[in-house]
Amino acid sequence: MSLQNKFFTFDRRIYLTRHDSEYSNAREKDDSITAAIKAKFKEKGYPVIDDFIQGSLVTYTTIKEPGKDFDIDRAIVIDYEGSPSDPLIPKKVILEILEDRGFQNAKIKKPCVTADYKFKNLHIDIPVYRKNSWGGYELAVGKKDSADEHKIWSESSPKELIDWVNDSSQFSVYATEKLYQFRRLVRYLKRWRNLKFSPDVCRKIYSIGLTVMIKQNFKPSIDEDGFPNDLLALKATVDSILDWSGYFQLHSDDQWKVKVNLPVHPSRDIFHGSSLNTGTRFRNQLTNLRSILQDVIDTSDEAEQCSLLVKVFGDDFPNNVNTNSASTAQKVQFATCGAVGTSQGA
């Protein structure tokens, strides 16, 4: 098995879609909760005019993590006309629905309502937007006990962000293959993050931050026949993040701050409020990753390559050595990895 086919096997082991059997319980809960929200909002006088999946499920970058919760990120949209002036009003309605359905730790956070389900490995985030007559979105911002000045409807571009992540127009030749490779790199680095950082730091290295960093610095590696080399693409992309992006800003005593702006309006810093500890650990681990990837490139021994990559990505990366080269049929099959049926994102 070639090293690239090992990357494909690794990707198949960690990749999760909304249609996978493992996600069926989460999907059923999502559908049920969305229906309850629609019914209650209609009763309250501000009916839901749209709802859509946000986050990694719609950008095809969700990964499986043994023992970790499945995430639901469902956006609820109401019309600007007739919407409450207080953005916490609809969020409190959602909070009540979740509490009545057995969710624990349900709370109103600044950007969304969030909760964990007691009896299933399920975490849910529900942001509320209102949509104006010219198509703009405003996010309901504020915590449960926020002062009036901290409760606002804030301009946001949720669908533009999804479209930006899923766009392949800048890739030109072999655009589809490059888009799939980009998505695989995001999934690889999410697994790397989850493995290499303590839980406290890990949750502060936001998935959308990783995704934006990778997309803005993506260096595809696709040969003239359309076959990918994920190792070279990953190494070159990490190089660009560290050397050319300007994301990491040096402070005193080799301490680093990470700053990554959203690529769509209102272009806020994804890591706003992030500590020097988070930025420094993030940069140091990326530097270590770069060094290991270079070691993998430099060695011709497949067993050693696999051993190094298992240290980076964990035991889901294949560690068996097969000297038989992959057939063309296998290459063609794996070259389509990352394609998803009819789901269009949004």
C-alpha atoms as a PDB file:
ATOM      1  CA  MET A   1       0.000   0.000   0.000  1.00  0.00           C
ATOM      2  CA  SER A   2       1.457   3.377  -0.982  1.00  0.00           C
ATOM      3  CA  LEU A   3       1.833   6.101   1.621  1.00  0.00           C
ATOM      4  CA  GLN A   4      -0.873   8.127  -0.128  1.00  0.00           C
ATOM      5  CA  ASN A   5      -3.271   5.198   0.112  1.00  0.00           C
ATOM      6  CA  LYS A   6      -2.497   5.048   3.817  1.00  0.00           C
ATOM      7  CA  PHE A   7      -3.555   8.689   4.032  1.00  0.00           C
ATOM      8  CA  PHE A   8      -6.777   7.747   2.246  1.00  0.00           C
ATOM      9  CA  THR A   9      -7.382   4.894   4.687  1.00  0.00           C
ATOM     10  CA  PHE A  10      -6.746   7.231   7.610  1.00  0.00           C
ATOM     11  CA  ASP A  11      -9.181   9.747   6.166  1.00  0.00           C
ATOM     12  CA  ARG A  12     -11.909   7.132   5.724  1.00  0.00           C
ATOM     13  CA  ARG A  13     -11.466   6.100   9.345  1.00  0.00           C
ATOM     14  CA  ILE A  14     -11.904   9.603  10.742  1.00  0.00           C
ATOM     15  CA  TYR A  15     -14.320  11.257   8.276  1.00  0.00           C
ATOM     16  CA  LEU A  16     -17.918  11.713   9.460  1.00  0.00           C
ATOM     17  CA  THR A  17     -20.901  12.924   7.442  1.00  0.00           C
ATOM     18  CA  ARG A  18     -24.450  13.701   8.480  1.00  0.00           C
ATOM     19  CA  HIS A  19     -25.598  10.604   6.582  1.00  0.00           C
ATOM     20  CA  ASP A  20     -23.321   8.121   8.375  1.00  0.00           C
ATOM     21  CA  SER A  21     -24.990   5.521  10.582  1.00  0.00           C
ATOM     22  CA  GLU A  22     -22.950   6.726  13.573  1.00  0.00           C
ATOM     23  CA  TYR A  23     -24.661  10.092  13.251  1.00  0.00           C
ATOM     24  CA  SER A  24     -28.220   8.732  13.059  1.00  0.00           C
ATOM     25  CA  ASN A  25     -29.155   9.529  16.670  1.00  0.00           C
ATOM     26  CA  ALA A  26     -27.824  13.058  16.334  1.00  0.00           C
ATOM     27  CA  ARG A  27     -29.675  13.508  13.048  1.00  0.00           C
ATOM     28  CA  GLU A  28     -32.965  12.357  14.582  1.00  0.00           C
ATOM     29  CA  LYS A  29     -32.548  14.678  17.572  1.00  0.00           C
ATOM     30  CA  ASP A  30     -31.662  17.563  15.276  1.00  0.00           C
ATOM     31  CA  ASP A  31     -34.792  17.058  13.187  1.00  0.00           C
ATOM     32  CA  SER A  32     -36.996  16.747  16.264  1.00  0.00           C
ATOM     33  CA  ILE A  33     -35.574  19.802  18.036  1.00  0.00           C
ATOM     34  CA  THR A  34     -35.788  21.908  14.884  1.00  0.00           C
ATOM     35  CA  ALA A  35     -39.467  20.991  14.512  1.00  0.00           C
ATOM     36  CA  ALA A  36     -40.128  21.954  18.141  1.00  0.00           C
ATOM     37  CA  ILE A  37     -38.393  25.311  17.692  1.00  0.00           C
ATOM     38  CA  LYS A  38     -40.413  26.046  14.568  1.00  0.00           C
ATOM     39  CA  ALA A  39     -43.674  25.279  16.364  1.00  0.00           C
ATOM     40  CA  LYS A  40     -42.816  27.400  19.409  1.00  0.00           C
ATOM     41  CA  PHE A  41     -41.482  30.357  17.412  1.00  0.00           C
ATOM     42  CA  LYS A  42     -44.644  30.369  15.296  1.00  0.00           C
ATOM     43  CA  GLU A  43     -46.702  30.394  18.485  1.00  0.00           C
ATOM     44  CA  LYS A  44     -44.643  33.335  19.792  1.00  0.00           C
ATOM     45  CA  GLY A  45     -45.251  35.389  16.646  1.00  0.00           C
ATOM     46  CA  TYR A  46     -41.861  35.251  14.945  1.00  0.00           C
ATOM     47  CA  PRO A  47     -42.000  32.159  12.709  1.00  0.00           C
ATOM     48  CA  VAL A  48     -38.871  30.464  11.400  1.00  0.00           C
ATOM     49  CA  ILE A  49     -38.314  31.397   7.751  1.00  0.00           C
ATOM     50  CA  ASP A  50     -35.201  29.273   7.242  1.00  0.00           C
ATOM     51  CA  ASP A  51     -32.893  26.860   9.013  1.00  0.00           C
ATOM     52  CA  PHE A  52     -29.608  25.365   7.902  1.00  0.00           C
ATOM     53  CA  ILE A  53     -26.648  23.336   9.081  1.00  0.00           C
ATOM     54  CA  GLN A  54     -23.547  25.327   9.951  1.00  0.00           C
ATOM     55  CA  GLY A  55     -20.020  24.229  10.691  1.00  0.00           C
ATOM     56  CA  SER A  56     -17.982  21.260   9.595  1.00  0.00           C
ATOM     57  CA  LEU A  57     -20.859  19.017   8.507  1.00  0.00           C
ATOM     58  CA  VAL A  58     -21.712  21.386   5.679  1.00  0.00           C
ATOM     59  CA  THR A  59     -18.071  21.959   4.729  1.00  0.00           C
ATOM     60  CA  TYR A  60     -17.374  18.200   4.799  1.00  0.00           C
ATOM     61  CA  THR A  61     -14.632  18.472   7.412  1.00  0.00           C
ATOM     62  CA  THR A  62     -16.222  16.712  10.409  1.00  0.00           C
ATOM     63  CA  ILE A  63     -14.196  13.983  12.081  1.00  0.00           C
ATOM     64  CA  LYS A  64     -15.052  11.063  14.341  1.00  0.00           C
ATOM     65  CA  GLU A  65     -13.562  11.040  17.818  1.00  0.00           C
ATOM     66  CA  PRO A  66     -14.036   7.934  20.000  1.00  0.00           C
ATOM     67  CA  GLY A  67     -15.717   8.887  23.263  1.00  0.00           C
ATOM     68  CA  LYS A  68     -16.426  12.432  22.107  1.00  0.00           C
ATOM     69  CA  ASP A  69     -19.813  14.029  21.525  1.00  0.00           C
ATOM     70  CA  PHE A  70     -21.411  14.324  18.109  1.00  0.00           C
ATOM     71  CA  ASP A  71     -22.104  17.962  17.296  1.00  0.00           C
ATOM     72  CA  ILE A  72     -25.246  19.594  15.973  1.00  0.00           C
ATOM     73  CA  ASP A  73     -24.823  23.143  14.671  1.00  0.00           C
ATOM     74  CA  ARG A  74     -28.261  24.202  13.453  1.00  0.00           C
ATOM     75  CA  ALA A  75     -28.939  27.838  12.532  1.00  0.00           C
ATOM     76  CA  ILE A  76     -32.455  29.198  13.051  1.00  0.00           C
ATOM     77  CA  VAL A  77     -33.550  32.211  10.983  1.00  0.00           C
ATOM     78  CA  ILE A  78     -36.497  34.528  11.630  1.00  0.00           C
ATOM     79  CA  ASP A  79     -37.689  37.546   9.666  1.00  0.00           C
ATOM     80  CA  TYR A  80     -36.398  40.972  10.639  1.00  0.00           C
ATOM     81  CA  GLU A  81     -39.940  42.284  10.545  1.00  0.00           C
ATOM     82  CA  GLY A  82     -41.677  41.116  13.682  1.00  0.00           C
ATOM     83  CA  SER A  83     -38.505  39.898  15.376  1.00  0.00           C
ATOM     84  CA  PRO A  84     -38.049  40.783  19.061  1.00  0.00           C
ATOM     85  CA  SER A  85     -35.843  43.803  19.671  1.00  0.00           C
ATOM     86  CA  ASP A  86     -34.253  41.860  22.527  1.00  0.00           C
ATOM     87  CA  PRO A  87     -32.124  39.087  20.956  1.00  0.00           C
ATOM     88  CA  LEU A  88     -32.288  37.017  24.143  1.00  0.00           C
ATOM     89  CA  ILE A  89     -36.038  36.426  23.845  1.00  0.00           C
ATOM     90  CA  PRO A  90     -35.830  33.726  21.125  1.00  0.00           C
ATOM     91  CA  LYS A  91     -32.701  32.263  22.725  1.00  0.00           C
ATOM     92  CA  LYS A  92     -34.555  31.793  26.019  1.00  0.00           C
ATOM     93  CA  VAL A  93     -37.320  29.955  24.165  1.00  0.00           C
ATOM     94  CA  ILE A  94     -34.742  27.551  22.717  1.00  0.00           C
ATOM     95  CA  LEU A  95     -33.157  27.110  26.150  1.00  0.00           C
ATOM     96  CA  GLU A  96     -36.506  26.055  27.588  1.00  0.00           C
ATOM     97  CA  ILE A  97     -37.073  23.565  24.751  1.00  0.00           C
ATOM     98  CA  LEU A  98     -33.676  21.952  25.317  1.00  0.00           C
ATOM     99  CA  GLU A  99     -34.129  21.735  29.080  1.00  0.00           C
ATOM    100  CA  ASP A 100     -37.551  20.131  28.645  1.00  0.00           C
ATOM    101  CA  ARG A 101     -35.966  17.499  26.375  1.00  0.00           C
ATOM    102  CA  GLY A 102     -33.407  16.307  28.887  1.00  0.00           C
ATOM    103  CA  PHE A 103     -30.352  18.282  27.845  1.00  0.00           C
ATOM    104  CA  GLN A 104     -27.934  19.046  30.654  1.00  0.00           C
ATOM    105  CA  ASN A 105     -25.800  22.128  31.073  1.00  0.00           C
ATOM    106  CA  ALA A 106     -28.090  23.973  28.687  1.00  0.00           C
ATOM    107  CA  LYS A 107     -27.033  27.594  28.629  1.00  0.00           C
ATOM    108  CA  ILE A 108     -27.218  30.766  26.630  1.00  0.00           C
ATOM    109  CA  LYS A 109     -23.756  31.665  25.419  1.00  0.00           C
ATOM    110  CA  LYS A 110     -22.888  34.862  23.636  1.00  0.00           C
ATOM    111  CA  PRO A 111     -23.302  33.552  20.054  1.00  0.00           C
ATOM    112  CA  CYS A 112     -25.732  30.658  20.542  1.00  0.00           C
ATOM    113  CA  VAL A 113     -27.685  28.350  22.820  1.00  0.00           C
ATOM    114  CA  THR A 114     -25.669  25.275  23.728  1.00  0.00           C
ATOM    115  CA  ALA A 115     -26.297  22.024  25.601  1.00  0.00           C
ATOM    116  CA  ASP A 116     -25.260  18.395  26.057  1.00  0.00           C
ATOM    117  CA  TYR A 117     -27.727  15.513  25.943  1.00  0.00           C
ATOM    118  CA  LYS A 118     -27.672  13.360  29.083  1.00  0.00           C
ATOM    119  CA  PHE A 119     -28.218   9.960  27.501  1.00  0.00           C
ATOM    120  CA  LYS A 120     -26.347  10.228  24.199  1.00  0.00           C
ATOM    121  CA  ASN A 121     -22.951  11.557  23.123  1.00  0.00           C
ATOM    122  CA  LEU A 122     -24.495  14.694  21.713  1.00  0.00           C
ATOM    123  CA  HIS A 123     -23.562  18.374  21.877  1.00  0.00           C
ATOM    124  CA  ILE A 124     -25.770  21.021  20.326  1.00  0.00           C
ATOM    125  CA  ASP A 125     -25.229  24.651  19.308  1.00  0.00           C
ATOM    126  CA  ILE A 126     -28.166  26.682  18.021  1.00  0.00           C
ATOM    127  CA  PRO A 127     -27.508  30.250  16.836  1.00  0.00           C
ATOM    128  CA  VAL A 128     -30.453  32.498  16.010  1.00  0.00           C
ATOM    129  CA  TYR A 129     -30.374  34.960  13.110  1.00  0.00           C
ATOM    130  CA  ARG A 130     -32.813  37.460  11.758  1.00  0.00           C
ATOM    131  CA  LYS A 131     -32.819  38.207   8.047  1.00  0.00           C
ATOM    132  CA  ASN A 132     -33.616  41.633   6.635  1.00  0.00           C
ATOM    133  CA  SER A 133     -35.345  42.532   3.378  1.00  0.00           C
ATOM    134  CA  TRP A 134     -32.075  42.866   1.401  1.00  0.00           C
ATOM    135  CA  GLY A 135     -30.811  39.448   2.494  1.00  0.00           C
ATOM    136  CA  GLY A 136     -28.465  40.453   5.294  1.00  0.00           C
ATOM    137  CA  TYR A 137     -28.192  38.422   8.492  1.00  0.00           C
ATOM    138  CA  GLU A 138     -27.920  39.558  12.102  1.00  0.00           C
ATOM    139  CA  LEU A 139     -26.877  37.174  14.874  1.00  0.00           C
ATOM    140  CA  ALA A 140     -28.597  37.207  18.271  1.00  0.00           C
ATOM    141  CA  VAL A 141     -25.706  38.029  20.619  1.00  0.00           C
ATOM    142  CA  GLY A 142     -25.816  38.020  24.395  1.00  0.00           C
ATOM    143  CA  LYS A 143     -25.645  35.785  27.450  1.00  0.00           C
ATOM    144  CA  LYS A 144     -28.577  35.066  29.749  1.00  0.00           C
ATOM    145  CA  ASP A 145     -27.714  37.818  32.219  1.00  0.00           C
ATOM    146  CA  SER A 146     -26.019  40.256  29.835  1.00  0.00           C
ATOM    147  CA  ALA A 147     -26.563  43.956  30.390  1.00  0.00           C
ATOM    148  CA  ASP A 148     -28.606  45.728  27.729  1.00  0.00           C
ATOM    149  CA  GLU A 149     -25.521  47.148  26.023  1.00  0.00           C
ATOM    150  CA  HIS A 150     -24.200  43.604  25.492  1.00  0.00           C
ATOM    151  CA  LYS A 151     -27.434  42.264  23.994  1.00  0.00           C
ATOM    152  CA  ILE A 152     -27.399  43.062  20.288  1.00  0.00           C
ATOM    153  CA  TRP A 153     -28.348  41.835  16.862  1.00  0.00           C
ATOM    154  CA  SER A 154     -24.889  41.754  15.255  1.00  0.00           C
ATOM    155  CA  GLU A 155     -24.193  41.721  11.506  1.00  0.00           C
ATOM    156  CA  SER A 156     -23.069  38.310  10.326  1.00  0.00           C
ATOM    157  CA  SER A 157     -22.473  36.359   7.107  1.00  0.00           C
ATOM    158  CA  PRO A 158     -23.011  32.679   7.950  1.00  0.00           C
ATOM    159  CA  LYS A 159     -23.858  31.458   4.463  1.00  0.00           C
ATOM    160  CA  GLU A 160     -21.089  33.495   2.853  1.00  0.00           C
ATOM    161  CA  LEU A 161     -18.606  31.794   5.183  1.00  0.00           C
ATOM    162  CA  ILE A 162     -19.888  28.351   4.189  1.00  0.00           C
ATOM    163  CA  ASP A 163     -19.651  29.293   0.513  1.00  0.00           C
ATOM    164  CA  TRP A 164     -16.122  30.621   0.999  1.00  0.00           C
ATOM    165  CA  VAL A 165     -14.913  27.394   2.589  1.00  0.00           C
ATOM    166  CA  ASN A 166     -16.564  25.255  -0.106  1.00  0.00           C
ATOM    167  CA  ASP A 167     -15.447  27.388  -3.057  1.00  0.00           C
ATOM    168  CA  SER A 168     -12.983  25.798  -5.484  1.00  0.00           C
ATOM    169  CA  SER A 169     -12.914  28.513  -8.155  1.00  0.00           C
ATOM    170  CA  GLN A 170      -9.359  29.591  -7.285  1.00  0.00           C
ATOM    171  CA  PHE A 171      -7.964  26.095  -7.846  1.00  0.00           C
ATOM    172  CA  SER A 172      -8.176  26.071 -11.689  1.00  0.00           C
ATOM    173  CA  VAL A 173      -6.763  22.778 -13.044  1.00  0.00           C
ATOM    174  CA  TYR A 174      -7.984  19.712 -11.127  1.00  0.00           C
ATOM    175  CA  ALA A 175     -10.117  22.018  -8.980  1.00  0.00           C
ATOM    176  CA  THR A 176     -12.291  19.218  -7.608  1.00  0.00           C
ATOM    177  CA  GLU A 177      -9.313  17.083  -6.620  1.00  0.00           C
ATOM    178  CA  LYS A 178      -7.712  20.092  -4.922  1.00  0.00           C
ATOM    179  CA  LEU A 179     -10.899  20.878  -3.005  1.00  0.00           C
ATOM    180  CA  TYR A 180     -11.058  17.285  -1.755  1.00  0.00           C
ATOM    181  CA  GLN A 181      -7.405  17.470  -0.755  1.00  0.00           C
ATOM    182  CA  PHE A 182      -8.028  20.702   1.156  1.00  0.00           C
ATOM    183  CA  ARG A 183     -10.878  19.053   3.055  1.00  0.00           C
ATOM    184  CA  ARG A 184      -8.690  16.083   3.913  1.00  0.00           C
ATOM    185  CA  LEU A 185      -5.978  18.376   5.274  1.00  0.00           C
ATOM    186  CA  VAL A 186      -8.544  20.046   7.524  1.00  0.00           C
ATOM    187  CA  ARG A 187      -9.650  16.660   8.835  1.00  0.00           C
ATOM    188  CA  TYR A 188      -6.038  15.575   9.383  1.00  0.00           C
ATOM    189  CA  LEU A 189      -5.184  18.710  11.347  1.00  0.00           C
ATOM    190  CA  LYS A 190      -8.321  18.459  13.448  1.00  0.00           C
ATOM    191  CA  ARG A 191      -7.252  14.971  14.525  1.00  0.00           C
ATOM    192  CA  TRP A 192      -3.705  16.261  15.133  1.00  0.00           C
ATOM    193  CA  ARG A 193      -5.090  19.098  17.284  1.00  0.00           C
ATOM    194  CA  ASN A 194      -7.269  16.753  19.326  1.00  0.00           C
ATOM    195  CA  LEU A 195      -4.318  14.449  19.937  1.00  0.00           C
ATOM    196  CA  LYS A 196      -1.586  16.973  20.682  1.00  0.00           C
ATOM    197  CA  PHE A 197      -3.233  19.530  22.957  1.00  0.00           C
ATOM    198  CA  SER A 198      -4.662  19.336  26.448  1.00  0.00           C
ATOM    199  CA  PRO A 199      -8.476  19.584  26.522  1.00  0.00           C
ATOM    200  CA  ASP A 200      -8.288  23.148  27.840  1.00  0.00           C
ATOM    201  CA  VAL A 201      -6.060  24.358  24.988  1.00  0.00           C
ATOM    202  CA  CYS A 202      -7.687  22.131  22.364  1.00  0.00           C
ATOM    203  CA  ARG A 203     -11.116  23.734  22.716  1.00  0.00           C
ATOM    204  CA  LYS A 204      -9.539  27.164  22.224  1.00  0.00           C
ATOM    205  CA  ILE A 205      -7.988  26.185  18.882  1.00  0.00           C
ATOM    206  CA  TYR A 206     -11.265  26.617  17.063  1.00  0.00           C
ATOM    207  CA  SER A 207     -12.127  24.422  14.108  1.00  0.00           C
ATOM    208  CA  ILE A 208     -13.205  27.403  12.006  1.00  0.00           C
ATOM    209  CA  GLY A 209      -9.850  29.015  12.786  1.00  0.00           C
ATOM    210  CA  LEU A 210      -7.971  25.944  11.578  1.00  0.00           C
ATOM    211  CA  THR A 211     -10.151  25.762   8.469  1.00  0.00           C
ATOM    212  CA  VAL A 212      -9.567  29.397   7.514  1.00  0.00           C
ATOM    213  CA  MET A 213      -5.828  29.098   8.116  1.00  0.00           C
ATOM    214  CA  ILE A 214      -5.577  26.019   5.921  1.00  0.00           C
ATOM    215  CA  LYS A 215      -7.759  27.438   3.139  1.00  0.00           C
ATOM    216  CA  GLN A 216      -5.848  30.726   2.967  1.00  0.00           C
ATOM    217  CA  ASN A 217      -2.481  28.934   2.894  1.00  0.00           C
ATOM    218  CA  PHE A 218      -3.404  25.762   1.039  1.00  0.00           C
ATOM    219  CA  LYS A 219      -0.649  24.475  -1.241  1.00  0.00           C
ATOM    220  CA  PRO A 220      -2.167  21.645  -3.262  1.00  0.00           C
ATOM    221  CA  SER A 221      -0.100  18.742  -4.508  1.00  0.00           C
ATOM    222  CA  ILE A 222      -1.792  17.006  -7.440  1.00  0.00           C
ATOM    223  CA  ASP A 223       0.260  15.390 -10.190  1.00  0.00           C
ATOM    224  CA  GLU A 224      -0.379  15.745 -13.928  1.00  0.00           C
ATOM    225  CA  ASP A 225      -2.622  12.667 -13.875  1.00  0.00           C
ATOM    226  CA  GLY A 226      -4.797  14.079 -11.100  1.00  0.00           C
ATOM    227  CA  PHE A 227      -3.418  11.942  -8.262  1.00  0.00           C
ATOM    228  CA  PRO A 228      -2.759  13.682  -4.921  1.00  0.00           C
ATOM    229  CA  ASN A 229       0.203  13.701  -2.571  1.00  0.00           C
ATOM    230  CA  ASP A 230      -1.266  14.688   0.785  1.00  0.00           C
ATOM    231  CA  LEU A 231       2.066  14.558   2.608  1.00  0.00           C
ATOM    232  CA  LEU A 232       3.629  17.218   0.374  1.00  0.00           C
ATOM    233  CA  ALA A 233       0.465  19.334   0.418  1.00  0.00           C
ATOM    234  CA  LEU A 234       0.285  19.212   4.211  1.00  0.00           C
ATOM    235  CA  LYS A 235       3.963  20.071   4.668  1.00  0.00           C
ATOM    236  CA  ALA A 236       3.797  23.009   2.235  1.00  0.00           C
ATOM    237  CA  THR A 237       0.588  24.307   3.806  1.00  0.00           C
ATOM    238  CA  VAL A 238       2.026  24.174   7.332  1.00  0.00           C
ATOM    239  CA  ASP A 239       5.146  25.946   6.031  1.00  0.00           C
ATOM    240  CA  SER A 240       3.002  28.746   4.644  1.00  0.00           C
ATOM    241  CA  ILE A 241       0.990  29.076   7.867  1.00  0.00           C
ATOM    242  CA  LEU A 242       4.169  29.432   9.910  1.00  0.00           C
ATOM    243  CA  ASP A 243       6.300  31.500   7.528  1.00  0.00           C
ATOM    244  CA  TRP A 244       4.011  33.712   5.483  1.00  0.00           C
ATOM    245  CA  SER A 245       0.561  34.115   7.024  1.00  0.00           C
ATOM    246  CA  GLY A 246       1.275  36.606   9.796  1.00  0.00           C
ATOM    247  CA  TYR A 247      -1.204  34.810  12.071  1.00  0.00           C
ATOM    248  CA  PHE A 248       1.285  34.520  14.931  1.00  0.00           C
ATOM    249  CA  GLN A 249       2.414  37.795  16.473  1.00  0.00           C
ATOM    250  CA  LEU A 250       5.509  37.780  18.681  1.00  0.00           C
ATOM    251  CA  HIS A 251       5.281  39.197  22.187  1.00  0.00           C
ATOM    252  CA  SER A 252       7.984  39.243  24.865  1.00  0.00           C
ATOM    253  CA  ASP A 253      10.002  36.161  25.836  1.00  0.00           C
ATOM    254  CA  ASP A 254       9.080  34.072  22.805  1.00  0.00           C
ATOM    255  CA  GLN A 255       5.372  34.309  23.569  1.00  0.00           C
ATOM    256  CA  TRP A 256       2.969  34.362  20.652  1.00  0.00           C
ATOM    257  CA  LYS A 257      -0.517  35.675  20.032  1.00  0.00           C
ATOM    258  CA  VAL A 258      -2.654  34.103  17.309  1.00  0.00           C
ATOM    259  CA  LYS A 259      -4.950  36.286  15.211  1.00  0.00           C
ATOM    260  CA  VAL A 260      -7.010  35.055  12.260  1.00  0.00           C
ATOM    261  CA  ASN A 261      -9.717  37.241  10.760  1.00  0.00           C
ATOM    262  CA  LEU A 262     -12.869  35.807   9.263  1.00  0.00           C
ATOM    263  CA  PRO A 263     -12.699  36.003   5.449  1.00  0.00           C
ATOM    264  CA  VAL A 264     -16.236  37.430   5.270  1.00  0.00           C
ATOM    265  CA  HIS A 265     -18.026  40.407   6.832  1.00  0.00           C
ATOM    266  CA  PRO A 266     -17.644  41.508   9.607  1.00  0.00           C
ATOM    267  CA  SER A 267     -14.078  40.104   9.456  1.00  0.00           C
ATOM    268  CA  ARG A 268     -13.747  39.703  13.217  1.00  0.00           C
ATOM    269  CA  ASP A 269     -10.758  37.969  14.799  1.00  0.00           C
ATOM    270  CA  ILE A 270     -11.696  34.315  15.286  1.00  0.00           C
ATOM    271  CA  PHE A 271      -9.253  34.070  18.203  1.00  0.00           C
ATOM    272  CA  HIS A 272     -10.244  37.371  19.848  1.00  0.00           C
ATOM    273  CA  GLY A 273      -9.462  37.193  23.557  1.00  0.00           C
ATOM    274  CA  SER A 274      -7.178  34.201  23.092  1.00  0.00           C
ATOM    275  CA  SER A 275      -4.289  34.009  25.564  1.00  0.00           C
ATOM    276  CA  LEU A 276      -0.561  34.052  24.896  1.00  0.00           C
ATOM    277  CA  ASN A 277      -0.457  30.495  26.233  1.00  0.00           C
ATOM    278  CA  THR A 278      -2.851  29.310  23.526  1.00  0.00           C
ATOM    279  CA  GLY A 279      -1.000  31.122  20.741  1.00  0.00           C
ATOM    280  CA  THR A 280       2.413  29.945  21.916  1.00  0.00           C
ATOM    281  CA  ARG A 281       1.411  26.306  22.312  1.00  0.00           C
ATOM    282  CA  PHE A 282      -0.378  26.384  18.959  1.00  0.00           C
ATOM    283  CA  ARG A 283       2.668  27.741  17.146  1.00  0.00           C
ATOM    284  CA  ASN A 284       5.090  25.413  18.936  1.00  0.00           C
ATOM    285  CA  GLN A 285       3.051  22.348  18.028  1.00  0.00           C
ATOM    286  CA  LEU A 286       2.793  23.466  14.396  1.00  0.00           C
ATOM    287  CA  THR A 287       6.575  23.866  14.371  1.00  0.00           C
ATOM    288  CA  ASN A 288       6.977  20.346  15.770  1.00  0.00           C
ATOM    289  CA  LEU A 289       4.550  19.040  13.158  1.00  0.00           C
ATOM    290  CA  ARG A 290       6.546  20.662  10.370  1.00  0.00           C
ATOM    291  CA  SER A 291       9.727  19.014  11.615  1.00  0.00           C
ATOM    292  CA  ILE A 292       8.119  15.566  11.745  1.00  0.00           C
ATOM    293  CA  LEU A 293       6.585  15.937   8.284  1.00  0.00           C
ATOM    294  CA  GLN A 294      10.015  16.832   6.927  1.00  0.00           C
ATOM    295  CA  ASP A 295      11.428  13.694   8.568  1.00  0.00           C
ATOM    296  CA  VAL A 296       8.716  11.641   6.851  1.00  0.00           C
ATOM    297  CA  ILE A 297       9.610  13.200   3.503  1.00  0.00           C
ATOM    298  CA  ASP A 298      13.324  12.602   4.034  1.00  0.00           C
ATOM    299  CA  THR A 299      13.068   8.901   4.869  1.00  0.00           C
ATOM    300  CA  SER A 300      12.474   6.243   2.232  1.00  0.00           C
ATOM    301  CA  ASP A 301      11.644   3.540   4.772  1.00  0.00           C
ATOM    302  CA  GLU A 302       7.885   3.037   4.744  1.00  0.00           C
ATOM    303  CA  ALA A 303       7.786   1.528   8.238  1.00  0.00           C
ATOM    304  CA  GLU A 304       9.566   4.566   9.649  1.00  0.00           C
ATOM    305  CA  GLN A 305       7.262   6.914   7.750  1.00  0.00           C
ATOM    306  CA  CYS A 306       4.210   5.193   9.198  1.00  0.00           C
ATOM    307  CA  SER A 307       5.674   5.192  12.701  1.00  0.00           C
ATOM    308  CA  LEU A 308       6.249   8.946  12.526  1.00  0.00           C
ATOM    309  CA  LEU A 309       2.769   9.636  11.173  1.00  0.00           C
ATOM    310  CA  VAL A 310       1.130   7.509  13.881  1.00  0.00           C
ATOM    311  CA  LYS A 311       2.821   9.775  16.424  1.00  0.00           C
ATOM    312  CA  VAL A 312       1.260  12.770  14.659  1.00  0.00           C
ATOM    313  CA  PHE A 313      -2.226  11.431  13.953  1.00  0.00           C
ATOM    314  CA  GLY A 314      -2.752   8.533  16.353  1.00  0.00           C
ATOM    315  CA  ASP A 315      -3.547   4.878  15.828  1.00  0.00           C
ATOM    316  CA  ASP A 316      -6.123   5.464  13.088  1.00  0.00           C
ATOM    317  CA  PHE A 317      -3.219   6.066  10.732  1.00  0.00           C
ATOM    318  CA  PRO A 318      -2.251   2.669   9.218  1.00  0.00           C
ATOM    319  CA  ASN A 319       0.999   1.292  10.546  1.00  0.00           C
ATOM    320  CA  ASN A 320       1.225  -1.859   8.435  1.00  0.00           C
ATOM    321  CA  VAL A 321       3.719  -1.988   5.587  1.00  0.00           C
ATOM    322  CA  ASN A 322       2.627  -3.473   2.258  1.00  0.00           C
ATOM    323  CA  THR A 323       5.224  -3.391  -0.480  1.00  0.00           C
ATOM    324  CA  ASN A 324       2.709  -4.118  -3.236  1.00  0.00           C
ATOM    325  CA  SER A 325       1.995  -1.016  -5.225  1.00  0.00           C
ATOM    326  CA  ALA A 326      -1.591   0.142  -5.486  1.00  0.00           C
ATOM    327  CA  SER A 327      -3.410  -0.620  -8.674  1.00  0.00           C
ATOM    328  CA  THR A 328      -4.634   2.071 -10.994  1.00  0.00           C
ATOM    329  CA  ALA A 329      -8.180   1.082 -10.111  1.00  0.00           C
ATOM    330  CA  GLN A 330      -7.473   1.723  -6.446  1.00  0.00           C
ATOM    331  CA  LYS A 331      -5.961   5.090  -7.264  1.00  0.00           C
ATOM    332  CA  VAL A 332      -8.971   6.146  -9.287  1.00  0.00           C
ATOM    333  CA  GLN A 333     -11.295   5.030  -6.508  1.00  0.00           C
ATOM    334  CA  PHE A 334      -9.396   6.899  -3.818  1.00  0.00           C
ATOM    335  CA  ALA A 335      -8.952  10.003  -5.961  1.00  0.00           C
ATOM    336  CA  THR A 336     -12.669  10.663  -5.537  1.00  0.00           C
ATOM    337  CA  CYS A 337     -12.447  10.427  -1.750  1.00  0.00           C
ATOM    338  CA  GLY A 338     -14.143  13.416  -0.135  1.00  0.00           C
ATOM    339  CA  ALA A 339     -17.010  13.620  -2.601  1.00  0.00           C
ATOM    340  CA  VAL A 340     -20.415  13.876  -1.022  1.00  0.00           C
ATOM    341  CA  GLY A 341     -23.676  13.071  -2.771  1.00  0.00           C
ATOM    342  CA  THR A 342     -26.392  15.636  -3.161  1.00  0.00           C
ATOM    343  CA  SER A 343     -25.799  17.792  -0.103  1.00  0.00           C
ATOM    344  CA  GLN A 344     -25.103  21.303  -1.349  1.00  0.00           C
ATOM    345  CA  GLY A 345     -23.904  23.050   1.789  1.00  0.00           C
ATOM    346  CA  ALA A 346     -25.509  26.464   1.985  1.00  0.00           C
END
